[in-house]
Amino acid sequence: VLNAELIRYVETRPDTFITLINGERLVVNETMDEVIDRAVHYQQ
């Protein structure tokens, strides 16, 4: 589980990389669109 407030940006290269505001990078199975959808849903 990731605190969506910490996401700086998400990119695909071809895996999905999430860069956090502290510079840490995570690689996940979900697509960029899935990460965005979950983060937006969380905010809503």
PDB file of all heavy atoms in Angstrom:
ATOM      1  N   VAL A   1       0.858  -1.181   0.000  1.00  0.00           N
ATOM      2  CA  VAL A   1       0.000   0.000   0.000  1.00  0.00           C
ATOM      3  C   VAL A   1       0.894   1.231   0.000  1.00  0.00           C
ATOM      4  O   VAL A   1       1.862   1.319   0.754  1.00  0.00           O
ATOM      5  CB  VAL A   1      -0.925   0.004   1.233  1.00  0.00           C
ATOM      6  CG1 VAL A   1      -1.780   1.253   1.267  1.00  0.00           C
ATOM      7  CG2 VAL A   1      -1.803  -1.235   1.219  1.00  0.00           C
ATOM      8  N   LEU A   2       0.577   2.178  -0.874  1.00  0.00           N
ATOM      9  CA  LEU A   2       1.361   3.398  -1.028  1.00  0.00           C
ATOM     10  C   LEU A   2       0.502   4.605  -0.680  1.00  0.00           C
ATOM     11  O   LEU A   2      -0.653   4.696  -1.106  1.00  0.00           O
ATOM     12  CB  LEU A   2       1.849   3.510  -2.481  1.00  0.00           C
ATOM     13  CG  LEU A   2       2.578   4.794  -2.867  1.00  0.00           C
ATOM     14  CD1 LEU A   2       3.916   4.907  -2.132  1.00  0.00           C
ATOM     15  CD2 LEU A   2       2.798   4.839  -4.370  1.00  0.00           C
ATOM     16  N   ASN A   3       1.079   5.518   0.062  1.00  0.00           N
ATOM     17  CA  ASN A   3       0.405   6.783   0.335  1.00  0.00           C
ATOM     18  C   ASN A   3       0.436   7.595  -0.958  1.00  0.00           C
ATOM     19  O   ASN A   3       1.491   8.066  -1.382  1.00  0.00           O
ATOM     20  CB  ASN A   3       1.125   7.518   1.469  1.00  0.00           C
ATOM     21  CG  ASN A   3       0.466   8.828   1.815  1.00  0.00           C
ATOM     22  OD1 ASN A   3      -0.380   9.341   1.093  1.00  0.00           O
ATOM     23  ND2 ASN A   3       0.869   9.398   2.930  1.00  0.00           N
ATOM     24  N   ALA A   4      -0.712   7.753  -1.603  1.00  0.00           N
ATOM     25  CA  ALA A   4      -0.795   8.434  -2.895  1.00  0.00           C
ATOM     26  C   ALA A   4      -0.366   9.892  -2.809  1.00  0.00           C
ATOM     27  O   ALA A   4      -0.015  10.499  -3.823  1.00  0.00           O
ATOM     28  CB  ALA A   4      -2.209   8.332  -3.456  1.00  0.00           C
ATOM     29  N   GLU A   5      -0.354  10.458  -1.599  1.00  0.00           N
ATOM     30  CA  GLU A   5       0.082  11.845  -1.422  1.00  0.00           C
ATOM     31  C   GLU A   5       1.574  12.001  -1.722  1.00  0.00           C
ATOM     32  O   GLU A   5       2.037  13.112  -1.951  1.00  0.00           O
ATOM     33  CB  GLU A   5      -0.164  12.294   0.020  1.00  0.00           C
ATOM     34  CG  GLU A   5      -1.602  12.173   0.489  1.00  0.00           C
ATOM     35  CD  GLU A   5      -2.492  13.292  -0.021  1.00  0.00           C
ATOM     36  OE1 GLU A   5      -1.971  14.331  -0.442  1.00  0.00           O
ATOM     37  OE2 GLU A   5      -3.717  13.096   0.010  1.00  0.00           O
ATOM     38  N   LEU A   6       2.321  10.895  -1.712  1.00  0.00           N
ATOM     39  CA  LEU A   6       3.771  10.948  -1.899  1.00  0.00           C
ATOM     40  C   LEU A   6       4.213  10.846  -3.356  1.00  0.00           C
ATOM     41  O   LEU A   6       5.398  10.960  -3.648  1.00  0.00           O
ATOM     42  CB  LEU A   6       4.439   9.830  -1.094  1.00  0.00           C
ATOM     43  CG  LEU A   6       4.204   9.866   0.413  1.00  0.00           C
ATOM     44  CD1 LEU A   6       4.890   8.681   1.079  1.00  0.00           C
ATOM     45  CD2 LEU A   6       4.693  11.173   1.004  1.00  0.00           C
ATOM     46  N   ILE A   7       3.271  10.634  -4.272  1.00  0.00           N
ATOM     47  CA  ILE A   7       3.629  10.443  -5.678  1.00  0.00           C
ATOM     48  C   ILE A   7       3.992  11.775  -6.319  1.00  0.00           C
ATOM     49  O   ILE A   7       3.221  12.736  -6.277  1.00  0.00           O
ATOM     50  CB  ILE A   7       2.477   9.785  -6.466  1.00  0.00           C
ATOM     51  CG1 ILE A   7       2.212   8.388  -5.920  1.00  0.00           C
ATOM     52  CG2 ILE A   7       2.803   9.731  -7.958  1.00  0.00           C
ATOM     53  CD1 ILE A   7       0.996   7.704  -6.527  1.00  0.00           C
ATOM     54  N   ARG A   8       5.191  11.831  -6.899  1.00  0.00           N
ATOM     55  CA  ARG A   8       5.615  13.021  -7.650  1.00  0.00           C
ATOM     56  C   ARG A   8       5.212  12.844  -9.105  1.00  0.00           C
ATOM     57  O   ARG A   8       4.616  13.714  -9.697  1.00  0.00           O
ATOM     58  CB  ARG A   8       7.117  13.222  -7.548  1.00  0.00           C
ATOM     59  CG  ARG A   8       7.596  14.390  -8.395  1.00  0.00           C
ATOM     60  CD  ARG A   8       9.071  14.579  -8.297  1.00  0.00           C
ATOM     61  NE  ARG A   8       9.298  15.755  -7.457  1.00  0.00           N
ATOM     62  CZ  ARG A   8      10.459  16.079  -6.973  1.00  0.00           C
ATOM     63  NH1 ARG A   8      11.492  15.306  -7.175  1.00  0.00           N
ATOM     64  NH2 ARG A   8      10.591  17.171  -6.278  1.00  0.00           N
ATOM     65  N   TYR A   9       5.604  11.701  -9.706  1.00  0.00           N
ATOM     66  CA  TYR A   9       5.152  11.401 -11.069  1.00  0.00           C
ATOM     67  C   TYR A   9       5.228   9.915 -11.351  1.00  0.00           C
ATOM     68  O   TYR A   9       5.857   9.156 -10.626  1.00  0.00           O
ATOM     69  CB  TYR A   9       5.900  12.217 -12.127  1.00  0.00           C
ATOM     70  CG  TYR A   9       7.403  12.078 -12.132  1.00  0.00           C
ATOM     71  CD1 TYR A   9       8.041  11.080 -12.852  1.00  0.00           C
ATOM     72  CD2 TYR A   9       8.198  12.978 -11.437  1.00  0.00           C
ATOM     73  CE1 TYR A   9       9.417  10.970 -12.861  1.00  0.00           C
ATOM     74  CE2 TYR A   9       9.573  12.887 -11.449  1.00  0.00           C
ATOM     75  CZ  TYR A   9      10.178  11.878 -12.165  1.00  0.00           C
ATOM     76  OH  TYR A   9      11.546  11.761 -12.176  1.00  0.00           O
ATOM     77  N   VAL A  10       4.538   9.513 -12.430  1.00  0.00           N
ATOM     78  CA  VAL A  10       4.456   8.118 -12.868  1.00  0.00           C
ATOM     79  C   VAL A  10       4.867   8.082 -14.326  1.00  0.00           C
ATOM     80  O   VAL A  10       4.479   8.946 -15.103  1.00  0.00           O
ATOM     81  CB  VAL A  10       3.018   7.566 -12.707  1.00  0.00           C
ATOM     82  CG1 VAL A  10       2.939   6.115 -13.135  1.00  0.00           C
ATOM     83  CG2 VAL A  10       2.522   7.743 -11.280  1.00  0.00           C
ATOM     84  N   GLU A  11       5.663   7.074 -14.682  1.00  0.00           N
ATOM     85  CA  GLU A  11       6.090   6.953 -16.080  1.00  0.00           C
ATOM     86  C   GLU A  11       6.170   5.484 -16.480  1.00  0.00           C
ATOM     87  O   GLU A  11       6.273   4.609 -15.634  1.00  0.00           O
ATOM     88  CB  GLU A  11       7.433   7.647 -16.289  1.00  0.00           C
ATOM     89  CG  GLU A  11       8.540   7.134 -15.403  1.00  0.00           C
ATOM     90  CD  GLU A  11       9.789   7.989 -15.464  1.00  0.00           C
ATOM     91  OE1 GLU A  11      10.158   8.444 -16.553  1.00  0.00           O
ATOM     92  OE2 GLU A  11      10.391   8.205 -14.401  1.00  0.00           O
ATOM     93  N   THR A  12       6.109   5.245 -17.776  1.00  0.00           N
ATOM     94  CA  THR A  12       6.212   3.902 -18.328  1.00  0.00           C
ATOM     95  C   THR A  12       7.477   3.822 -19.151  1.00  0.00           C
ATOM     96  O   THR A  12       7.694   4.650 -20.038  1.00  0.00           O
ATOM     97  CB  THR A  12       4.986   3.592 -19.212  1.00  0.00           C
ATOM     98  OG1 THR A  12       3.807   3.739 -18.423  1.00  0.00           O
ATOM     99  CG2 THR A  12       5.052   2.199 -19.764  1.00  0.00           C
ATOM    100  N   ARG A  13       8.335   2.796 -18.859  1.00  0.00           N
ATOM    101  CA  ARG A  13       9.605   2.668 -19.584  1.00  0.00           C
ATOM    102  C   ARG A  13      10.111   1.256 -19.665  1.00  0.00           C
ATOM    103  O   ARG A  13      11.244   1.051 -19.270  1.00  0.00           O
ATOM    104  CB  ARG A  13      10.688   3.566 -19.000  1.00  0.00           C
ATOM    105  CG  ARG A  13      10.414   4.296 -17.779  1.00  0.00           C
ATOM    106  CD  ARG A  13      11.622   4.954 -17.235  1.00  0.00           C
ATOM    107  NE  ARG A  13      11.771   6.314 -17.661  1.00  0.00           N
ATOM    108  CZ  ARG A  13      12.920   6.940 -17.677  1.00  0.00           C
ATOM    109  NH1 ARG A  13      14.024   6.338 -17.342  1.00  0.00           N
ATOM    110  NH2 ARG A  13      12.998   8.171 -18.029  1.00  0.00           N
ATOM    111  N   PRO A  14       9.651   0.221 -20.158  1.00  0.00           N
ATOM    112  CA  PRO A  14       8.241  -0.100 -20.379  1.00  0.00           C
ATOM    113  C   PRO A  14       7.513  -0.457 -19.092  1.00  0.00           C
ATOM    114  O   PRO A  14       6.294  -0.421 -19.050  1.00  0.00           O
ATOM    115  CB  PRO A  14       8.264  -1.282 -21.324  1.00  0.00           C
ATOM    116  CG  PRO A  14       9.527  -1.995 -20.995  1.00  0.00           C
ATOM    117  CD  PRO A  14      10.494  -0.898 -20.589  1.00  0.00           C
ATOM    118  N   ASP A  15       8.249  -0.818 -18.009  1.00  0.00           N
ATOM    119  CA  ASP A  15       7.572  -1.045 -16.727  1.00  0.00           C
ATOM    120  C   ASP A  15       7.083   0.285 -16.184  1.00  0.00           C
ATOM    121  O   ASP A  15       7.539   1.347 -16.594  1.00  0.00           O
ATOM    122  CB  ASP A  15       8.536  -1.680 -15.714  1.00  0.00           C
ATOM    123  CG  ASP A  15       8.949  -3.100 -16.102  1.00  0.00           C
ATOM    124  OD1 ASP A  15       8.105  -3.829 -16.646  1.00  0.00           O
ATOM    125  OD2 ASP A  15      10.115  -3.459 -15.853  1.00  0.00           O
ATOM    126  N   THR A  16       6.174   0.224 -15.234  1.00  0.00           N
ATOM    127  CA  THR A  16       5.639   1.435 -14.630  1.00  0.00           C
ATOM    128  C   THR A  16       6.500   1.825 -13.434  1.00  0.00           C
ATOM    129  O   THR A  16       6.639   1.064 -12.481  1.00  0.00           O
ATOM    130  CB  THR A  16       4.177   1.225 -14.187  1.00  0.00           C
ATOM    131  OG1 THR A  16       3.412   0.778 -15.306  1.00  0.00           O
ATOM    132  CG2 THR A  16       3.583   2.512 -13.636  1.00  0.00           C
ATOM    133  N   PHE A  17       7.091   3.006 -13.510  1.00  0.00           N
ATOM    134  CA  PHE A  17       7.918   3.559 -12.438  1.00  0.00           C
ATOM    135  C   PHE A  17       7.142   4.664 -11.739  1.00  0.00           C
ATOM    136  O   PHE A  17       6.557   5.524 -12.401  1.00  0.00           O
ATOM    137  CB  PHE A  17       9.214   4.164 -13.004  1.00  0.00           C
ATOM    138  CG  PHE A  17      10.249   3.154 -13.367  1.00  0.00           C
ATOM    139  CD1 PHE A  17      10.160   2.451 -14.563  1.00  0.00           C
ATOM    140  CD2 PHE A  17      11.327   2.914 -12.527  1.00  0.00           C
ATOM    141  CE1 PHE A  17      11.125   1.525 -14.907  1.00  0.00           C
ATOM    142  CE2 PHE A  17      12.294   1.985 -12.866  1.00  0.00           C
ATOM    143  CZ  PHE A  17      12.198   1.285 -14.066  1.00  0.00           C
ATOM    144  N   ILE A  18       7.165   4.633 -10.418  1.00  0.00           N
ATOM    145  CA  ILE A  18       6.562   5.696  -9.621  1.00  0.00           C
ATOM    146  C   ILE A  18       7.706   6.388  -8.889  1.00  0.00           C
ATOM    147  O   ILE A  18       8.472   5.733  -8.175  1.00  0.00           O
ATOM    148  CB  ILE A  18       5.553   5.142  -8.599  1.00  0.00           C
ATOM    149  CG1 ILE A  18       4.440   4.371  -9.317  1.00  0.00           C
ATOM    150  CG2 ILE A  18       4.973   6.270  -7.740  1.00  0.00           C
ATOM    151  CD1 ILE A  18       3.503   3.643  -8.376  1.00  0.00           C
ATOM    152  N   THR A  19       7.826   7.688  -9.074  1.00  0.00           N
ATOM    153  CA  THR A  19       8.828   8.463  -8.350  1.00  0.00           C
ATOM    154  C   THR A  19       8.103   9.233  -7.258  1.00  0.00           C
ATOM    155  O   THR A  19       7.113   9.923  -7.516  1.00  0.00           O
ATOM    156  CB  THR A  19       9.572   9.431  -9.286  1.00  0.00           C
ATOM    157  OG1 THR A  19      10.187   8.669 -10.329  1.00  0.00           O
ATOM    158  CG2 THR A  19      10.638  10.205  -8.532  1.00  0.00           C
ATOM    159  N   LEU A  20       8.608   9.084  -6.035  1.00  0.00           N
ATOM    160  CA  LEU A  20       7.996   9.736  -4.882  1.00  0.00           C
ATOM    161  C   LEU A  20       8.622  11.109  -4.651  1.00  0.00           C
ATOM    162  O   LEU A  20       9.685  11.410  -5.216  1.00  0.00           O
ATOM    163  CB  LEU A  20       8.172   8.860  -3.643  1.00  0.00           C
ATOM    164  CG  LEU A  20       7.677   7.424  -3.766  1.00  0.00           C
ATOM    165  CD1 LEU A  20       7.902   6.674  -2.461  1.00  0.00           C
ATOM    166  CD2 LEU A  20       6.224   7.363  -4.189  1.00  0.00           C
ATOM    167  N   ILE A  21       7.996  11.911  -3.841  1.00  0.00           N
ATOM    168  CA  ILE A  21       8.477  13.265  -3.608  1.00  0.00           C
ATOM    169  C   ILE A  21       9.853  13.287  -2.953  1.00  0.00           C
ATOM    170  O   ILE A  21      10.577  14.263  -3.071  1.00  0.00           O
ATOM    171  CB  ILE A  21       7.477  14.103  -2.788  1.00  0.00           C
ATOM    172  CG1 ILE A  21       7.176  13.464  -1.438  1.00  0.00           C
ATOM    173  CG2 ILE A  21       6.197  14.330  -3.567  1.00  0.00           C
ATOM    174  CD1 ILE A  21       6.293  14.308  -0.525  1.00  0.00           C
ATOM    175  N   ASN A  22      10.253  12.174  -2.303  1.00  0.00           N
ATOM    176  CA  ASN A  22      11.582  12.110  -1.683  1.00  0.00           C
ATOM    177  C   ASN A  22      12.640  11.568  -2.639  1.00  0.00           C
ATOM    178  O   ASN A  22      13.781  11.364  -2.246  1.00  0.00           O
ATOM    179  CB  ASN A  22      11.541  11.286  -0.399  1.00  0.00           C
ATOM    180  CG  ASN A  22      11.249   9.819  -0.640  1.00  0.00           C
ATOM    181  OD1 ASN A  22      11.076   9.375  -1.773  1.00  0.00           O
ATOM    182  ND2 ASN A  22      11.183   9.050   0.433  1.00  0.00           N
ATOM    183  N   GLY A  23      12.246  11.293  -3.906  1.00  0.00           N
ATOM    184  CA  GLY A  23      13.177  10.793  -4.912  1.00  0.00           C
ATOM    185  C   GLY A  23      13.213   9.282  -5.032  1.00  0.00           C
ATOM    186  O   GLY A  23      13.788   8.745  -5.982  1.00  0.00           O
ATOM    187  N   GLU A  24      12.627   8.570  -4.074  1.00  0.00           N
ATOM    188  CA  GLU A  24      12.588   7.101  -4.149  1.00  0.00           C
ATOM    189  C   GLU A  24      11.773   6.675  -5.357  1.00  0.00           C
ATOM    190  O   GLU A  24      10.769   7.305  -5.697  1.00  0.00           O
ATOM    191  CB  GLU A  24      11.969   6.541  -2.866  1.00  0.00           C
ATOM    192  CG  GLU A  24      11.927   5.025  -2.823  1.00  0.00           C
ATOM    193  CD  GLU A  24      11.300   4.492  -1.542  1.00  0.00           C
ATOM    194  OE1 GLU A  24      11.059   5.270  -0.605  1.00  0.00           O
ATOM    195  OE2 GLU A  24      11.043   3.282  -1.500  1.00  0.00           O
ATOM    196  N   ARG A  25      12.220   5.586  -6.012  1.00  0.00           N
ATOM    197  CA  ARG A  25      11.494   5.078  -7.182  1.00  0.00           C
ATOM    198  C   ARG A  25      11.006   3.674  -6.916  1.00  0.00           C
ATOM    199  O   ARG A  25      11.721   2.854  -6.356  1.00  0.00           O
ATOM    200  CB  ARG A  25      12.401   5.086  -8.410  1.00  0.00           C
ATOM    201  CG  ARG A  25      12.791   6.518  -8.794  1.00  0.00           C
ATOM    202  CD  ARG A  25      13.636   6.550 -10.002  1.00  0.00           C
ATOM    203  NE  ARG A  25      12.770   6.347 -11.155  1.00  0.00           N
ATOM    204  CZ  ARG A  25      13.201   6.187 -12.384  1.00  0.00           C
ATOM    205  NH1 ARG A  25      14.488   6.205 -12.636  1.00  0.00           N
ATOM    206  NH2 ARG A  25      12.360   6.029 -13.385  1.00  0.00           N
ATOM    207  N   LEU A  26       9.786   3.407  -7.333  1.00  0.00           N
ATOM    208  CA  LEU A  26       9.176   2.092  -7.201  1.00  0.00           C
ATOM    209  C   LEU A  26       8.792   1.597  -8.582  1.00  0.00           C
ATOM    210  O   LEU A  26       8.416   2.392  -9.451  1.00  0.00           O
ATOM    211  CB  LEU A  26       7.918   2.175  -6.332  1.00  0.00           C
ATOM    212  CG  LEU A  26       8.071   2.786  -4.941  1.00  0.00           C
ATOM    213  CD1 LEU A  26       6.700   3.033  -4.333  1.00  0.00           C
ATOM    214  CD2 LEU A  26       8.892   1.882  -4.058  1.00  0.00           C
ATOM    215  N   VAL A  27       8.867   0.288  -8.785  1.00  0.00           N
ATOM    216  CA  VAL A  27       8.428  -0.324 -10.037  1.00  0.00           C
ATOM    217  C   VAL A  27       7.252  -1.227  -9.696  1.00  0.00           C
ATOM    218  O   VAL A  27       7.327  -2.036  -8.764  1.00  0.00           O
ATOM    219  CB  VAL A  27       9.548  -1.141 -10.702  1.00  0.00           C
ATOM    220  CG1 VAL A  27       9.097  -1.663 -12.062  1.00  0.00           C
ATOM    221  CG2 VAL A  27      10.815  -0.312 -10.846  1.00  0.00           C
ATOM    222  N   VAL A  28       6.148  -1.085 -10.435  1.00  0.00           N
ATOM    223  CA  VAL A  28       4.930  -1.838 -10.127  1.00  0.00           C
ATOM    224  C   VAL A  28       4.390  -2.546 -11.353  1.00  0.00           C
ATOM    225  O   VAL A  28       4.711  -2.200 -12.491  1.00  0.00           O
ATOM    226  CB  VAL A  28       3.845  -0.908  -9.535  1.00  0.00           C
ATOM    227  CG1 VAL A  28       4.309  -0.301  -8.210  1.00  0.00           C
ATOM    228  CG2 VAL A  28       3.440   0.179 -10.507  1.00  0.00           C
ATOM    229  N   ASN A  29       3.543  -3.561 -11.095  1.00  0.00           N
ATOM    230  CA  ASN A  29       2.902  -4.317 -12.180  1.00  0.00           C
ATOM    231  C   ASN A  29       1.806  -3.524 -12.875  1.00  0.00           C
ATOM    232  O   ASN A  29       1.536  -3.729 -14.062  1.00  0.00           O
ATOM    233  CB  ASN A  29       2.287  -5.611 -11.643  1.00  0.00           C
ATOM    234  CG  ASN A  29       3.292  -6.725 -11.513  1.00  0.00           C
ATOM    235  OD1 ASN A  29       4.311  -6.757 -12.200  1.00  0.00           O
ATOM    236  ND2 ASN A  29       3.019  -7.655 -10.612  1.00  0.00           N
ATOM    237  N   GLU A  30       1.147  -2.634 -12.148  1.00  0.00           N
ATOM    238  CA  GLU A  30       0.023  -1.890 -12.700  1.00  0.00           C
ATOM    239  C   GLU A  30       0.492  -0.949 -13.812  1.00  0.00           C
ATOM    240  O   GLU A  30       1.633  -0.502 -13.809  1.00  0.00           O
ATOM    241  CB  GLU A  30      -0.677  -1.083 -11.597  1.00  0.00           C
ATOM    242  CG  GLU A  30      -1.469  -1.916 -10.612  1.00  0.00           C
ATOM    243  CD  GLU A  30      -0.612  -2.648  -9.583  1.00  0.00           C
ATOM    244  OE1 GLU A  30       0.599  -2.339  -9.467  1.00  0.00           O
ATOM    245  OE2 GLU A  30      -1.139  -3.524  -8.902  1.00  0.00           O
ATOM    246  N   THR A  31      -0.411  -0.662 -14.728  1.00  0.00           N
ATOM    247  CA  THR A  31      -0.089   0.291 -15.787  1.00  0.00           C
ATOM    248  C   THR A  31      -0.116   1.708 -15.218  1.00  0.00           C
ATOM    249  O   THR A  31      -0.649   1.948 -14.129  1.00  0.00           O
ATOM    250  CB  THR A  31      -1.112   0.222 -16.938  1.00  0.00           C
ATOM    251  OG1 THR A  31      -2.385   0.668 -16.448  1.00  0.00           O
ATOM    252  CG2 THR A  31      -1.229  -1.178 -17.518  1.00  0.00           C
ATOM    253  N   MET A  32       0.445   2.629 -15.970  1.00  0.00           N
ATOM    254  CA  MET A  32       0.424   4.023 -15.560  1.00  0.00           C
ATOM    255  C   MET A  32      -1.017   4.495 -15.366  1.00  0.00           C
ATOM    256  O   MET A  32      -1.325   5.181 -14.389  1.00  0.00           O
ATOM    257  CB  MET A  32       1.133   4.899 -16.597  1.00  0.00           C
ATOM    258  CG  MET A  32       1.191   6.359 -16.216  1.00  0.00           C
ATOM    259  SD  MET A  32       2.277   7.390 -17.227  1.00  0.00           S
ATOM    260  CE  MET A  32       1.744   7.016 -18.874  1.00  0.00           C
ATOM    261  N   ASP A  33      -1.905   4.126 -16.271  1.00  0.00           N
ATOM    262  CA  ASP A  33      -3.307   4.541 -16.169  1.00  0.00           C
ATOM    263  C   ASP A  33      -3.969   3.978 -14.913  1.00  0.00           C
ATOM    264  O   ASP A  33      -4.773   4.661 -14.273  1.00  0.00           O
ATOM    265  CB  ASP A  33      -4.098   4.133 -17.410  1.00  0.00           C
ATOM    266  CG  ASP A  33      -3.745   4.972 -18.625  1.00  0.00           C
ATOM    267  OD1 ASP A  33      -3.244   6.108 -18.457  1.00  0.00           O
ATOM    268  OD2 ASP A  33      -3.962   4.489 -19.758  1.00  0.00           O
ATOM    269  N   GLU A  34      -3.650   2.737 -14.550  1.00  0.00           N
ATOM    270  CA  GLU A  34      -4.217   2.149 -13.333  1.00  0.00           C
ATOM    271  C   GLU A  34      -3.743   2.896 -12.089  1.00  0.00           C
ATOM    272  O   GLU A  34      -4.531   3.162 -11.176  1.00  0.00           O
ATOM    273  CB  GLU A  34      -3.838   0.667 -13.217  1.00  0.00           C
ATOM    274  CG  GLU A  34      -4.540  -0.222 -14.219  1.00  0.00           C
ATOM    275  CD  GLU A  34      -4.008  -1.645 -14.227  1.00  0.00           C
ATOM    276  OE1 GLU A  34      -2.783  -1.837 -14.091  1.00  0.00           O
ATOM    277  OE2 GLU A  34      -4.839  -2.569 -14.365  1.00  0.00           O
ATOM    278  N   VAL A  35      -2.463   3.235 -12.044  1.00  0.00           N
ATOM    279  CA  VAL A  35      -1.934   3.987 -10.903  1.00  0.00           C
ATOM    280  C   VAL A  35      -2.620   5.345 -10.816  1.00  0.00           C
ATOM    281  O   VAL A  35      -3.053   5.768  -9.734  1.00  0.00           O
ATOM    282  CB  VAL A  35      -0.399   4.152 -11.004  1.00  0.00           C
ATOM    283  CG1 VAL A  35       0.119   5.069  -9.904  1.00  0.00           C
ATOM    284  CG2 VAL A  35       0.298   2.797 -10.957  1.00  0.00           C
ATOM    285  N   ILE A  36      -2.752   6.014 -11.936  1.00  0.00           N
ATOM    286  CA  ILE A  36      -3.413   7.322 -11.958  1.00  0.00           C
ATOM    287  C   ILE A  36      -4.862   7.197 -11.499  1.00  0.00           C
ATOM    288  O   ILE A  36      -5.326   7.983 -10.675  1.00  0.00           O
ATOM    289  CB  ILE A  36      -3.335   7.951 -13.368  1.00  0.00           C
ATOM    290  CG1 ILE A  36      -1.896   8.317 -13.701  1.00  0.00           C
ATOM    291  CG2 ILE A  36      -4.249   9.176 -13.469  1.00  0.00           C
ATOM    292  CD1 ILE A  36      -1.669   8.666 -15.151  1.00  0.00           C
ATOM    293  N   ASP A  37      -5.578   6.204 -12.019  1.00  0.00           N
ATOM    294  CA  ASP A  37      -6.976   6.015 -11.631  1.00  0.00           C
ATOM    295  C   ASP A  37      -7.110   5.783 -10.130  1.00  0.00           C
ATOM    296  O   ASP A  37      -7.991   6.350  -9.481  1.00  0.00           O
ATOM    297  CB  ASP A  37      -7.602   4.838 -12.384  1.00  0.00           C
ATOM    298  CG  ASP A  37      -7.857   5.131 -13.853  1.00  0.00           C
ATOM    299  OD1 ASP A  37      -7.826   6.319 -14.242  1.00  0.00           O
ATOM    300  OD2 ASP A  37      -8.074   4.168 -14.610  1.00  0.00           O
ATOM    301  N   ARG A  38      -6.233   4.969  -9.560  1.00  0.00           N
ATOM    302  CA  ARG A  38      -6.297   4.685  -8.122  1.00  0.00           C
ATOM    303  C   ARG A  38      -5.960   5.927  -7.299  1.00  0.00           C
ATOM    304  O   ARG A  38      -6.604   6.196  -6.285  1.00  0.00           O
ATOM    305  CB  ARG A  38      -5.358   3.536  -7.765  1.00  0.00           C
ATOM    306  CG  ARG A  38      -5.843   2.219  -8.339  1.00  0.00           C
ATOM    307  CD  ARG A  38      -4.898   1.080  -8.063  1.00  0.00           C
ATOM    308  NE  ARG A  38      -5.275  -0.064  -8.877  1.00  0.00           N
ATOM    309  CZ  ARG A  38      -4.727  -1.260  -8.781  1.00  0.00           C
ATOM    310  NH1 ARG A  38      -3.765  -1.472  -7.887  1.00  0.00           N
ATOM    311  NH2 ARG A  38      -5.123  -2.234  -9.561  1.00  0.00           N
ATOM    312  N   ALA A  39      -4.974   6.692  -7.748  1.00  0.00           N
ATOM    313  CA  ALA A  39      -4.591   7.904  -7.027  1.00  0.00           C
ATOM    314  C   ALA A  39      -5.712   8.940  -7.089  1.00  0.00           C
ATOM    315  O   ALA A  39      -6.019   9.586  -6.083  1.00  0.00           O
ATOM    316  CB  ALA A  39      -3.294   8.475  -7.590  1.00  0.00           C
ATOM    317  N   VAL A  40      -6.337   9.088  -8.246  1.00  0.00           N
ATOM    318  CA  VAL A  40      -7.447  10.038  -8.389  1.00  0.00           C
ATOM    319  C   VAL A  40      -8.625   9.590  -7.534  1.00  0.00           C
ATOM    320  O   VAL A  40      -9.244  10.395  -6.830  1.00  0.00           O
ATOM    321  CB  VAL A  40      -7.854  10.196  -9.876  1.00  0.00           C
ATOM    322  CG1 VAL A  40      -9.177  10.929 -10.013  1.00  0.00           C
ATOM    323  CG2 VAL A  40      -6.752  10.904 -10.646  1.00  0.00           C
ATOM    324  N   HIS A  41      -8.949   8.297  -7.564  1.00  0.00           N
ATOM    325  CA  HIS A  41     -10.044   7.763  -6.765  1.00  0.00           C
ATOM    326  C   HIS A  41      -9.783   8.006  -5.277  1.00  0.00           C
ATOM    327  O   HIS A  41     -10.678   8.405  -4.531  1.00  0.00           O
ATOM    328  CB  HIS A  41     -10.232   6.273  -7.055  1.00  0.00           C
ATOM    329  CG  HIS A  41     -11.374   5.667  -6.323  1.00  0.00           C
ATOM    330  ND1 HIS A  41     -11.207   4.903  -5.196  1.00  0.00           N
ATOM    331  CD2 HIS A  41     -12.707   5.721  -6.550  1.00  0.00           C
ATOM    332  CE1 HIS A  41     -12.386   4.514  -4.760  1.00  0.00           C
ATOM    333  NE2 HIS A  41     -13.314   4.996  -5.563  1.00  0.00           N
ATOM    334  N   TYR A  42      -8.546   7.785  -4.851  1.00  0.00           N
ATOM    335  CA  TYR A  42      -8.171   8.046  -3.454  1.00  0.00           C
ATOM    336  C   TYR A  42      -8.432   9.512  -3.097  1.00  0.00           C
ATOM    337  O   TYR A  42      -9.023   9.813  -2.054  1.00  0.00           O
ATOM    338  CB  TYR A  42      -6.700   7.699  -3.241  1.00  0.00           C
ATOM    339  CG  TYR A  42      -6.124   8.317  -1.998  1.00  0.00           C
ATOM    340  CD1 TYR A  42      -6.409   7.793  -0.744  1.00  0.00           C
ATOM    341  CD2 TYR A  42      -5.309   9.439  -2.079  1.00  0.00           C
ATOM    342  CE1 TYR A  42      -5.893   8.382   0.407  1.00  0.00           C
ATOM    343  CE2 TYR A  42      -4.791  10.028  -0.929  1.00  0.00           C
ATOM    344  CZ  TYR A  42      -5.088   9.490   0.301  1.00  0.00           C
ATOM    345  OH  TYR A  42      -4.583  10.083   1.430  1.00  0.00           O
ATOM    346  N   GLN A  43      -8.002  10.429  -3.949  1.00  0.00           N
ATOM    347  CA  GLN A  43      -8.194  11.853  -3.682  1.00  0.00           C
ATOM    348  C   GLN A  43      -9.682  12.205  -3.615  1.00  0.00           C
ATOM    349  O   GLN A  43     -10.103  12.988  -2.755  1.00  0.00           O
ATOM    350  CB  GLN A  43      -7.509  12.710  -4.754  1.00  0.00           C
ATOM    351  CG  GLN A  43      -6.004  12.642  -4.717  1.00  0.00           C
ATOM    352  CD  GLN A  43      -5.410  13.298  -3.489  1.00  0.00           C
ATOM    353  OE1 GLN A  43      -6.025  14.125  -2.854  1.00  0.00           O
ATOM    354  NE2 GLN A  43      -4.192  12.926  -3.162  1.00  0.00           N
ATOM    355  N   GLN A  44     -10.468  11.616  -4.505  1.00  0.00           N
ATOM    356  CA  GLN A  44     -11.908  11.889  -4.501  1.00  0.00           C
ATOM    357  C   GLN A  44     -12.554  11.354  -3.237  1.00  0.00           C
ATOM    358  O   GLN A  44     -13.376  12.018  -2.616  1.00  0.00           O
ATOM    359  CB  GLN A  44     -12.571  11.272  -5.728  1.00  0.00           C
ATOM    360  CG  GLN A  44     -12.199  11.950  -7.016  1.00  0.00           C
ATOM    361  CD  GLN A  44     -12.678  11.196  -8.243  1.00  0.00           C
ATOM    362  OE1 GLN A  44     -12.880   9.973  -8.210  1.00  0.00           O
ATOM    363  NE2 GLN A  44     -12.837  11.909  -9.340  1.00  0.00           N
TER     364      GLN A  44
END
